């Protein structure tokens, strides 16, 4: 039985493919590609003559059995047009089917547009949420963005050059004037990384025709440190909590964490207001 390899391919600069990736593409008995013409140019550059088969959104279910049969004969490599397979392409369906048929599925790591943009954005990288392409219609886009407006994670979207300005306008309207990094044409000759506010990004890309695929990295909702509550605020919260079945100890512990007051101080006030 063969192995299904998910081979990351360059998002622009051909030097970014790993030596292991080139070797796997050479040694596989078949390469399943999102666009055989696009991948064919990559294979020609590296002198790879492995047979190609198309595997894209509209034939993904019809091709599953064919690819699984090939896996019985040897290793198969899955590639996307650019970057890491199974991210914003139908690779997930093939991975799921291969695993269900007890084939090994292994990654050959490499380029990934969302991760590349995140790392150079200047925004927090310790926690982030990747949500792929934004919806095409403004009403759906605003609703989609609104669903994550309160999250503190850095948010990553993809967008096309035709909708980038409209999407930035919607992001500004829904999320406010947050910090943003707009990456386009990454690793290519005219790559650009614009960092600043959402309103600034709109003005920047209004001044010239947007070209290339865009990756948007957006600041998450900032947490607000209110500091220590006033005594009036604390007493009001205590009165509400006393209507519950919680003990004085439980109320004191919870409100101390929220209010910035010492637990013993809260405990005294709880007992005074019973």
C-alpha atoms as a PDB file:
ATOM      1  CA  UNK A   1       0.000   0.000   0.000  1.00  0.00           C
ATOM      2  CA  UNK A   2       1.165   3.471  -0.842  1.00  0.00           C
ATOM      3  CA  UNK A   3       1.237   6.687   1.151  1.00  0.00           C
ATOM      4  CA  UNK A   4      -0.741   9.824   0.376  1.00  0.00           C
ATOM      5  CA  UNK A   5       1.688  12.743   0.648  1.00  0.00           C
ATOM      6  CA  UNK A   6       0.409  16.304   0.996  1.00  0.00           C
ATOM      7  CA  UNK A   7       3.182  18.281  -0.700  1.00  0.00           C
ATOM      8  CA  UNK A   8       3.335  22.035  -0.096  1.00  0.00           C
ATOM      9  CA  UNK A   9       4.303  23.939  -3.234  1.00  0.00           C
ATOM     10  CA  UNK A  10       5.530  27.529  -3.723  1.00  0.00           C
ATOM     11  CA  UNK A  11       3.069  30.413  -3.394  1.00  0.00           C
ATOM     12  CA  UNK A  12       5.262  32.406  -5.748  1.00  0.00           C
ATOM     13  CA  UNK A  13       8.999  31.895  -5.514  1.00  0.00           C
ATOM     14  CA  UNK A  14       9.943  28.470  -6.918  1.00  0.00           C
ATOM     15  CA  UNK A  15      12.948  28.288  -4.580  1.00  0.00           C
ATOM     16  CA  UNK A  16      10.576  27.782  -1.647  1.00  0.00           C
ATOM     17  CA  UNK A  17       9.754  24.155  -2.437  1.00  0.00           C
ATOM     18  CA  UNK A  18      11.731  21.816  -0.206  1.00  0.00           C
ATOM     19  CA  UNK A  19      14.223  19.224  -1.526  1.00  0.00           C
ATOM     20  CA  UNK A  20      12.043  16.565   0.079  1.00  0.00           C
ATOM     21  CA  UNK A  21       9.010  17.923  -1.763  1.00  0.00           C
ATOM     22  CA  UNK A  22      10.829  17.663  -5.100  1.00  0.00           C
ATOM     23  CA  UNK A  23      11.948  14.111  -4.289  1.00  0.00           C
ATOM     24  CA  UNK A  24       8.430  12.980  -3.331  1.00  0.00           C
ATOM     25  CA  UNK A  25       7.010  14.429  -6.547  1.00  0.00           C
ATOM     26  CA  UNK A  26       9.689  12.544  -8.495  1.00  0.00           C
ATOM     27  CA  UNK A  27       9.088   9.232  -6.725  1.00  0.00           C
ATOM     28  CA  UNK A  28       5.270   9.184  -6.561  1.00  0.00           C
ATOM     29  CA  UNK A  29       3.395   7.137  -9.145  1.00  0.00           C
ATOM     30  CA  UNK A  30       0.765   9.858  -9.487  1.00  0.00           C
ATOM     31  CA  UNK A  31       0.316  13.542  -8.627  1.00  0.00           C
ATOM     32  CA  UNK A  32      -3.224  14.753  -7.934  1.00  0.00           C
ATOM     33  CA  UNK A  33      -3.314  18.470  -8.769  1.00  0.00           C
ATOM     34  CA  UNK A  34      -5.889  21.223  -8.427  1.00  0.00           C
ATOM     35  CA  UNK A  35      -4.899  22.591 -11.861  1.00  0.00           C
ATOM     36  CA  UNK A  36      -2.811  20.264 -14.032  1.00  0.00           C
ATOM     37  CA  UNK A  37      -1.626  23.102 -16.286  1.00  0.00           C
ATOM     38  CA  UNK A  38      -0.395  25.145 -13.329  1.00  0.00           C
ATOM     39  CA  UNK A  39       1.280  22.168 -11.683  1.00  0.00           C
ATOM     40  CA  UNK A  40       2.634  21.018 -15.045  1.00  0.00           C
ATOM     41  CA  UNK A  41       4.705  24.200 -15.272  1.00  0.00           C
ATOM     42  CA  UNK A  42       6.132  23.528 -11.799  1.00  0.00           C
ATOM     43  CA  UNK A  43       7.007  19.936 -12.706  1.00  0.00           C
ATOM     44  CA  UNK A  44       8.648  21.022 -15.949  1.00  0.00           C
ATOM     45  CA  UNK A  45      10.826  23.499 -14.047  1.00  0.00           C
ATOM     46  CA  UNK A  46      12.150  20.707 -11.817  1.00  0.00           C
ATOM     47  CA  UNK A  47      12.298  18.057 -14.534  1.00  0.00           C
ATOM     48  CA  UNK A  48       9.603  15.904 -12.897  1.00  0.00           C
ATOM     49  CA  UNK A  49       7.796  13.523 -15.254  1.00  0.00           C
ATOM     50  CA  UNK A  50       5.361  11.877 -12.828  1.00  0.00           C
ATOM     51  CA  UNK A  51       1.846  11.442 -14.327  1.00  0.00           C
ATOM     52  CA  UNK A  52      -0.731  14.055 -13.363  1.00  0.00           C
ATOM     53  CA  UNK A  53      -4.455  13.785 -12.681  1.00  0.00           C
ATOM     54  CA  UNK A  54      -6.838  16.639 -11.926  1.00  0.00           C
ATOM     55  CA  UNK A  55      -8.426  16.825  -8.500  1.00  0.00           C
ATOM     56  CA  UNK A  56     -10.463  19.961  -7.881  1.00  0.00           C
ATOM     57  CA  UNK A  57     -13.733  21.142  -6.354  1.00  0.00           C
ATOM     58  CA  UNK A  58     -16.046  19.957  -9.122  1.00  0.00           C
ATOM     59  CA  UNK A  59     -14.608  16.456  -9.627  1.00  0.00           C
ATOM     60  CA  UNK A  60     -13.377  15.717  -6.094  1.00  0.00           C
ATOM     61  CA  UNK A  61     -15.954  13.008  -5.359  1.00  0.00           C
ATOM     62  CA  UNK A  62     -15.711  11.346  -8.773  1.00  0.00           C
ATOM     63  CA  UNK A  63     -11.918  11.068  -8.537  1.00  0.00           C
ATOM     64  CA  UNK A  64     -11.746   9.540  -5.050  1.00  0.00           C
ATOM     65  CA  UNK A  65     -12.037   5.901  -6.138  1.00  0.00           C
ATOM     66  CA  UNK A  66      -9.465   6.352  -8.917  1.00  0.00           C
ATOM     67  CA  UNK A  67      -6.908   7.896  -6.555  1.00  0.00           C
ATOM     68  CA  UNK A  68      -7.545   5.295  -3.848  1.00  0.00           C
ATOM     69  CA  UNK A  69      -6.945   2.543  -6.418  1.00  0.00           C
ATOM     70  CA  UNK A  70      -3.640   4.165  -7.334  1.00  0.00           C
ATOM     71  CA  UNK A  71      -2.688   4.220  -3.659  1.00  0.00           C
ATOM     72  CA  UNK A  72      -2.974   0.428  -3.666  1.00  0.00           C
ATOM     73  CA  UNK A  73      -0.173   0.437  -6.229  1.00  0.00           C
ATOM     74  CA  UNK A  74       2.157   3.068  -4.731  1.00  0.00           C
ATOM     75  CA  UNK A  75       2.605   6.567  -3.320  1.00  0.00           C
ATOM     76  CA  UNK A  76       0.421   9.454  -4.490  1.00  0.00           C
ATOM     77  CA  UNK A  77       1.235  13.146  -4.006  1.00  0.00           C
ATOM     78  CA  UNK A  78      -1.505  15.738  -3.550  1.00  0.00           C
ATOM     79  CA  UNK A  79      -0.705  19.355  -4.442  1.00  0.00           C
ATOM     80  CA  UNK A  80      -2.720  22.548  -4.662  1.00  0.00           C
ATOM     81  CA  UNK A  81      -2.149  25.461  -7.030  1.00  0.00           C
ATOM     82  CA  UNK A  82       0.009  27.097  -4.373  1.00  0.00           C
ATOM     83  CA  UNK A  83       0.843  26.525  -0.748  1.00  0.00           C
ATOM     84  CA  UNK A  84      -0.237  23.696   1.531  1.00  0.00           C
ATOM     85  CA  UNK A  85      -2.858  21.211   0.247  1.00  0.00           C
ATOM     86  CA  UNK A  86      -6.205  20.834   2.051  1.00  0.00           C
ATOM     87  CA  UNK A  87      -6.229  24.538   3.026  1.00  0.00           C
ATOM     88  CA  UNK A  88      -8.993  26.185   0.976  1.00  0.00           C
ATOM     89  CA  UNK A  89      -9.103  23.367  -1.552  1.00  0.00           C
ATOM     90  CA  UNK A  90     -10.862  19.961  -1.719  1.00  0.00           C
ATOM     91  CA  UNK A  91      -7.902  18.045  -0.309  1.00  0.00           C
ATOM     92  CA  UNK A  92      -9.804  17.414   2.917  1.00  0.00           C
ATOM     93  CA  UNK A  93     -12.159  14.985   1.156  1.00  0.00           C
ATOM     94  CA  UNK A  94      -9.253  12.935  -0.203  1.00  0.00           C
ATOM     95  CA  UNK A  95      -7.459  12.901   3.158  1.00  0.00           C
ATOM     96  CA  UNK A  96     -10.625  11.720   4.883  1.00  0.00           C
ATOM     97  CA  UNK A  97     -11.208   8.968   2.297  1.00  0.00           C
ATOM     98  CA  UNK A  98      -7.575   7.789   2.419  1.00  0.00           C
ATOM     99  CA  UNK A  99      -7.614   7.561   6.209  1.00  0.00           C
ATOM    100  CA  UNK A 100     -10.935   5.694   6.136  1.00  0.00           C
ATOM    101  CA  UNK A 101      -9.309   3.174   3.768  1.00  0.00           C
ATOM    102  CA  UNK A 102      -6.363   2.733   6.182  1.00  0.00           C
ATOM    103  CA  UNK A 103      -3.755   4.480   4.020  1.00  0.00           C
ATOM    104  CA  UNK A 104      -1.039   6.523   5.678  1.00  0.00           C
ATOM    105  CA  UNK A 105      -1.338  10.267   5.060  1.00  0.00           C
ATOM    106  CA  UNK A 106       1.819  12.301   5.597  1.00  0.00           C
ATOM    107  CA  UNK A 107       2.605  16.031   5.269  1.00  0.00           C
ATOM    108  CA  UNK A 108       5.543  17.443   3.343  1.00  0.00           C
ATOM    109  CA  UNK A 109       5.562  20.895   4.979  1.00  0.00           C
ATOM    110  CA  UNK A 110       6.324  24.107   3.176  1.00  0.00           C
ATOM    111  CA  UNK A 111       4.762  27.411   2.080  1.00  0.00           C
ATOM    112  CA  UNK A 112       1.414  28.565   3.444  1.00  0.00           C
ATOM    113  CA  UNK A 113       0.062  32.023   2.633  1.00  0.00           C
ATOM    114  CA  UNK A 114      -1.902  32.554   5.886  1.00  0.00           C
ATOM    115  CA  UNK A 115       1.041  31.579   8.093  1.00  0.00           C
ATOM    116  CA  UNK A 116       3.544  33.559   6.013  1.00  0.00           C
ATOM    117  CA  UNK A 117       1.416  36.715   6.263  1.00  0.00           C
ATOM    118  CA  UNK A 118       0.780  36.240   9.980  1.00  0.00           C
ATOM    119  CA  UNK A 119       4.446  35.904  10.867  1.00  0.00           C
ATOM    120  CA  UNK A 120       5.421  39.209   9.251  1.00  0.00           C
ATOM    121  CA  UNK A 121       2.254  41.151  10.153  1.00  0.00           C
ATOM    122  CA  UNK A 122       3.552  42.617  13.391  1.00  0.00           C
ATOM    123  CA  UNK A 123       0.350  41.434  15.094  1.00  0.00           C
ATOM    124  CA  UNK A 124       0.148  38.820  17.886  1.00  0.00           C
ATOM    125  CA  UNK A 125       0.931  35.294  16.687  1.00  0.00           C
ATOM    126  CA  UNK A 126       0.322  33.336  19.901  1.00  0.00           C
ATOM    127  CA  UNK A 127      -3.351  32.749  19.049  1.00  0.00           C
ATOM    128  CA  UNK A 128      -5.053  33.316  15.706  1.00  0.00           C
ATOM    129  CA  UNK A 129      -8.133  32.319  13.730  1.00  0.00           C
ATOM    130  CA  UNK A 130      -7.930  31.544  10.010  1.00  0.00           C
ATOM    131  CA  UNK A 131     -11.274  31.842   8.186  1.00  0.00           C
ATOM    132  CA  UNK A 132     -10.378  31.512   4.497  1.00  0.00           C
ATOM    133  CA  UNK A 133     -12.085  33.590   1.819  1.00  0.00           C
ATOM    134  CA  UNK A 134     -14.635  36.213   2.778  1.00  0.00           C
ATOM    135  CA  UNK A 135     -18.185  35.869   1.357  1.00  0.00           C
ATOM    136  CA  UNK A 136     -18.777  37.655  -1.954  1.00  0.00           C
ATOM    137  CA  UNK A 137     -21.876  39.660  -0.956  1.00  0.00           C
ATOM    138  CA  UNK A 138     -21.474  42.613   1.375  1.00  0.00           C
ATOM    139  CA  UNK A 139     -24.420  41.651   3.609  1.00  0.00           C
ATOM    140  CA  UNK A 140     -23.082  38.121   4.079  1.00  0.00           C
ATOM    141  CA  UNK A 141     -19.549  39.435   4.541  1.00  0.00           C
ATOM    142  CA  UNK A 142     -20.604  41.834   7.292  1.00  0.00           C
ATOM    143  CA  UNK A 143     -22.498  39.095   9.072  1.00  0.00           C
ATOM    144  CA  UNK A 144     -19.514  36.718   8.770  1.00  0.00           C
ATOM    145  CA  UNK A 145     -17.058  39.292  10.111  1.00  0.00           C
ATOM    146  CA  UNK A 146     -19.477  40.291  12.859  1.00  0.00           C
ATOM    147  CA  UNK A 147     -19.484  36.746  14.217  1.00  0.00           C
ATOM    148  CA  UNK A 148     -15.829  37.099  15.245  1.00  0.00           C
ATOM    149  CA  UNK A 149     -15.865  40.770  16.234  1.00  0.00           C
ATOM    150  CA  UNK A 150     -15.560  40.059  19.966  1.00  0.00           C
ATOM    151  CA  UNK A 151     -12.756  37.493  19.702  1.00  0.00           C
ATOM    152  CA  UNK A 152      -9.330  38.498  20.946  1.00  0.00           C
ATOM    153  CA  UNK A 153      -7.465  36.296  18.447  1.00  0.00           C
ATOM    154  CA  UNK A 154      -5.645  37.728  15.453  1.00  0.00           C
ATOM    155  CA  UNK A 155      -7.928  37.049  12.448  1.00  0.00           C
ATOM    156  CA  UNK A 156      -6.801  35.983   8.974  1.00  0.00           C
ATOM    157  CA  UNK A 157      -8.874  36.211   5.781  1.00  0.00           C
ATOM    158  CA  UNK A 158      -8.150  35.748   2.076  1.00  0.00           C
ATOM    159  CA  UNK A 159      -9.546  38.084  -0.566  1.00  0.00           C
ATOM    160  CA  UNK A 160      -9.392  38.679  -4.312  1.00  0.00           C
ATOM    161  CA  UNK A 161      -8.210  41.950  -5.897  1.00  0.00           C
ATOM    162  CA  UNK A 162     -11.718  42.621  -7.260  1.00  0.00           C
ATOM    163  CA  UNK A 163     -13.332  42.746  -3.809  1.00  0.00           C
ATOM    164  CA  UNK A 164     -10.489  43.948  -1.595  1.00  0.00           C
ATOM    165  CA  UNK A 165     -11.684  47.550  -1.237  1.00  0.00           C
ATOM    166  CA  UNK A 166     -15.294  46.569  -0.533  1.00  0.00           C
ATOM    167  CA  UNK A 167     -14.099  44.028   2.027  1.00  0.00           C
ATOM    168  CA  UNK A 168     -11.864  46.565   3.757  1.00  0.00           C
ATOM    169  CA  UNK A 169     -14.824  48.961   3.949  1.00  0.00           C
ATOM    170  CA  UNK A 170     -16.956  46.248   5.560  1.00  0.00           C
ATOM    171  CA  UNK A 171     -14.169  45.301   7.974  1.00  0.00           C
ATOM    172  CA  UNK A 172     -13.825  48.943   9.036  1.00  0.00           C
ATOM    173  CA  UNK A 173     -17.596  49.250   9.475  1.00  0.00           C
ATOM    174  CA  UNK A 174     -17.994  46.067  11.533  1.00  0.00           C
ATOM    175  CA  UNK A 175     -14.704  45.789  13.436  1.00  0.00           C
ATOM    176  CA  UNK A 176     -13.732  49.428  13.714  1.00  0.00           C
ATOM    177  CA  UNK A 177     -10.398  50.981  12.789  1.00  0.00           C
ATOM    178  CA  UNK A 178      -8.208  48.092  13.941  1.00  0.00           C
ATOM    179  CA  UNK A 179      -4.593  47.455  13.091  1.00  0.00           C
ATOM    180  CA  UNK A 180      -4.220  45.393   9.936  1.00  0.00           C
ATOM    181  CA  UNK A 181      -1.576  43.923   7.670  1.00  0.00           C
ATOM    182  CA  UNK A 182      -2.519  43.540   4.020  1.00  0.00           C
ATOM    183  CA  UNK A 183      -0.209  41.126   2.199  1.00  0.00           C
ATOM    184  CA  UNK A 184      -0.300  40.643  -1.552  1.00  0.00           C
ATOM    185  CA  UNK A 185       1.797  38.858  -4.168  1.00  0.00           C
ATOM    186  CA  UNK A 186       3.783  37.178  -1.398  1.00  0.00           C
ATOM    187  CA  UNK A 187       7.257  35.913  -2.403  1.00  0.00           C
ATOM    188  CA  UNK A 188       6.765  37.286  -5.935  1.00  0.00           C
ATOM    189  CA  UNK A 189       8.480  40.170  -7.680  1.00  0.00           C
ATOM    190  CA  UNK A 190       5.936  42.803  -6.624  1.00  0.00           C
ATOM    191  CA  UNK A 191       5.147  41.512  -3.146  1.00  0.00           C
ATOM    192  CA  UNK A 192       3.808  44.105  -0.730  1.00  0.00           C
ATOM    193  CA  UNK A 193       3.025  44.205   2.970  1.00  0.00           C
ATOM    194  CA  UNK A 194       0.985  47.193   4.059  1.00  0.00           C
ATOM    195  CA  UNK A 195       0.714  47.697   7.832  1.00  0.00           C
ATOM    196  CA  UNK A 196      -1.439  50.262   9.580  1.00  0.00           C
ATOM    197  CA  UNK A 197      -5.103  50.931  10.319  1.00  0.00           C
ATOM    198  CA  UNK A 198      -8.081  49.609   8.356  1.00  0.00           C
ATOM    199  CA  UNK A 199      -8.960  53.145   7.227  1.00  0.00           C
ATOM    200  CA  UNK A 200      -5.375  53.718   6.148  1.00  0.00           C
ATOM    201  CA  UNK A 201      -5.426  50.501   4.114  1.00  0.00           C
ATOM    202  CA  UNK A 202      -8.523  51.692   2.266  1.00  0.00           C
ATOM    203  CA  UNK A 203      -6.864  54.979   1.321  1.00  0.00           C
ATOM    204  CA  UNK A 204      -3.678  53.180   0.280  1.00  0.00           C
ATOM    205  CA  UNK A 205      -5.352  50.714  -2.069  1.00  0.00           C
ATOM    206  CA  UNK A 206      -7.728  53.330  -3.457  1.00  0.00           C
ATOM    207  CA  UNK A 207      -4.729  55.162  -4.833  1.00  0.00           C
ATOM    208  CA  UNK A 208      -3.759  52.328  -7.172  1.00  0.00           C
ATOM    209  CA  UNK A 209      -5.385  49.370  -8.879  1.00  0.00           C
ATOM    210  CA  UNK A 210      -5.250  46.385  -6.485  1.00  0.00           C
ATOM    211  CA  UNK A 211      -3.533  43.391  -8.074  1.00  0.00           C
ATOM    212  CA  UNK A 212      -2.682  39.897  -6.904  1.00  0.00           C
ATOM    213  CA  UNK A 213      -4.216  37.674  -4.251  1.00  0.00           C
ATOM    214  CA  UNK A 214      -4.595  39.292  -0.833  1.00  0.00           C
ATOM    215  CA  UNK A 215      -4.172  37.962   2.684  1.00  0.00           C
ATOM    216  CA  UNK A 216      -5.622  40.117   5.459  1.00  0.00           C
ATOM    217  CA  UNK A 217      -4.270  39.825   8.994  1.00  0.00           C
ATOM    218  CA  UNK A 218      -6.449  41.765  11.441  1.00  0.00           C
ATOM    219  CA  UNK A 219      -5.976  42.671  15.085  1.00  0.00           C
ATOM    220  CA  UNK A 220      -8.314  40.901  17.506  1.00  0.00           C
ATOM    221  CA  UNK A 221     -10.618  42.663  19.943  1.00  0.00           C
ATOM    222  CA  UNK A 222      -8.546  44.329  22.644  1.00  0.00           C
ATOM    223  CA  UNK A 223      -9.246  43.270  26.211  1.00  0.00           C
ATOM    224  CA  UNK A 224     -10.204  46.158  28.448  1.00  0.00           C
ATOM    225  CA  UNK A 225      -8.588  46.377  31.856  1.00  0.00           C
ATOM    226  CA  UNK A 226     -11.107  48.249  33.996  1.00  0.00           C
ATOM    227  CA  UNK A 227      -8.935  48.125  37.087  1.00  0.00           C
ATOM    228  CA  UNK A 228     -10.400  47.849  40.596  1.00  0.00           C
ATOM    229  CA  UNK A 229     -14.169  48.248  40.865  1.00  0.00           C
ATOM    230  CA  UNK A 230     -15.608  50.992  43.013  1.00  0.00           C
ATOM    231  CA  UNK A 231     -17.302  49.918  46.252  1.00  0.00           C
ATOM    232  CA  UNK A 232     -20.690  50.849  44.770  1.00  0.00           C
ATOM    233  CA  UNK A 233     -20.092  48.571  41.750  1.00  0.00           C
ATOM    234  CA  UNK A 234     -19.005  45.734  44.010  1.00  0.00           C
ATOM    235  CA  UNK A 235     -22.019  46.113  46.321  1.00  0.00           C
ATOM    236  CA  UNK A 236     -24.378  46.077  43.350  1.00  0.00           C
ATOM    237  CA  UNK A 237     -22.792  42.858  42.079  1.00  0.00           C
ATOM    238  CA  UNK A 238     -22.979  41.302  45.563  1.00  0.00           C
ATOM    239  CA  UNK A 239     -26.706  42.052  45.818  1.00  0.00           C
ATOM    240  CA  UNK A 240     -27.305  40.304  42.493  1.00  0.00           C
ATOM    241  CA  UNK A 241     -25.241  37.268  43.491  1.00  0.00           C
ATOM    242  CA  UNK A 242     -27.009  36.962  46.861  1.00  0.00           C
ATOM    243  CA  UNK A 243     -30.217  36.177  44.978  1.00  0.00           C
ATOM    244  CA  UNK A 244     -28.570  32.952  43.722  1.00  0.00           C
ATOM    245  CA  UNK A 245     -27.960  29.728  45.632  1.00  0.00           C
ATOM    246  CA  UNK A 246     -24.209  30.352  45.842  1.00  0.00           C
ATOM    247  CA  UNK A 247     -22.462  30.380  49.190  1.00  0.00           C
ATOM    248  CA  UNK A 248     -20.709  33.468  50.551  1.00  0.00           C
ATOM    249  CA  UNK A 249     -17.391  31.765  49.871  1.00  0.00           C
ATOM    250  CA  UNK A 250     -18.276  31.083  46.231  1.00  0.00           C
ATOM    251  CA  UNK A 251     -19.536  34.633  45.692  1.00  0.00           C
ATOM    252  CA  UNK A 252     -16.417  36.100  47.278  1.00  0.00           C
ATOM    253  CA  UNK A 253     -14.075  34.025  45.123  1.00  0.00           C
ATOM    254  CA  UNK A 254     -15.849  34.900  41.861  1.00  0.00           C
ATOM    255  CA  UNK A 255     -16.251  38.615  42.553  1.00  0.00           C
ATOM    256  CA  UNK A 256     -12.703  38.984  43.847  1.00  0.00           C
ATOM    257  CA  UNK A 257     -11.390  37.673  40.523  1.00  0.00           C
ATOM    258  CA  UNK A 258     -13.636  40.012  38.534  1.00  0.00           C
ATOM    259  CA  UNK A 259     -13.373  43.158  40.655  1.00  0.00           C
ATOM    260  CA  UNK A 260      -9.752  43.358  41.687  1.00  0.00           C
ATOM    261  CA  UNK A 261     -10.747  43.366  45.359  1.00  0.00           C
ATOM    262  CA  UNK A 262      -9.171  41.079  47.941  1.00  0.00           C
ATOM    263  CA  UNK A 263     -11.203  37.926  48.594  1.00  0.00           C
ATOM    264  CA  UNK A 264     -11.399  38.633  52.344  1.00  0.00           C
ATOM    265  CA  UNK A 265     -12.655  42.167  51.690  1.00  0.00           C
ATOM    266  CA  UNK A 266     -15.379  40.836  49.429  1.00  0.00           C
ATOM    267  CA  UNK A 267     -16.309  38.136  51.944  1.00  0.00           C
ATOM    268  CA  UNK A 268     -16.862  40.752  54.660  1.00  0.00           C
ATOM    269  CA  UNK A 269     -19.114  42.825  52.388  1.00  0.00           C
ATOM    270  CA  UNK A 270     -21.079  39.727  51.337  1.00  0.00           C
ATOM    271  CA  UNK A 271     -21.838  38.843  54.956  1.00  0.00           C
ATOM    272  CA  UNK A 272     -22.710  42.433  55.796  1.00  0.00           C
ATOM    273  CA  UNK A 273     -25.312  42.543  53.023  1.00  0.00           C
ATOM    274  CA  UNK A 274     -27.017  39.186  53.574  1.00  0.00           C
END
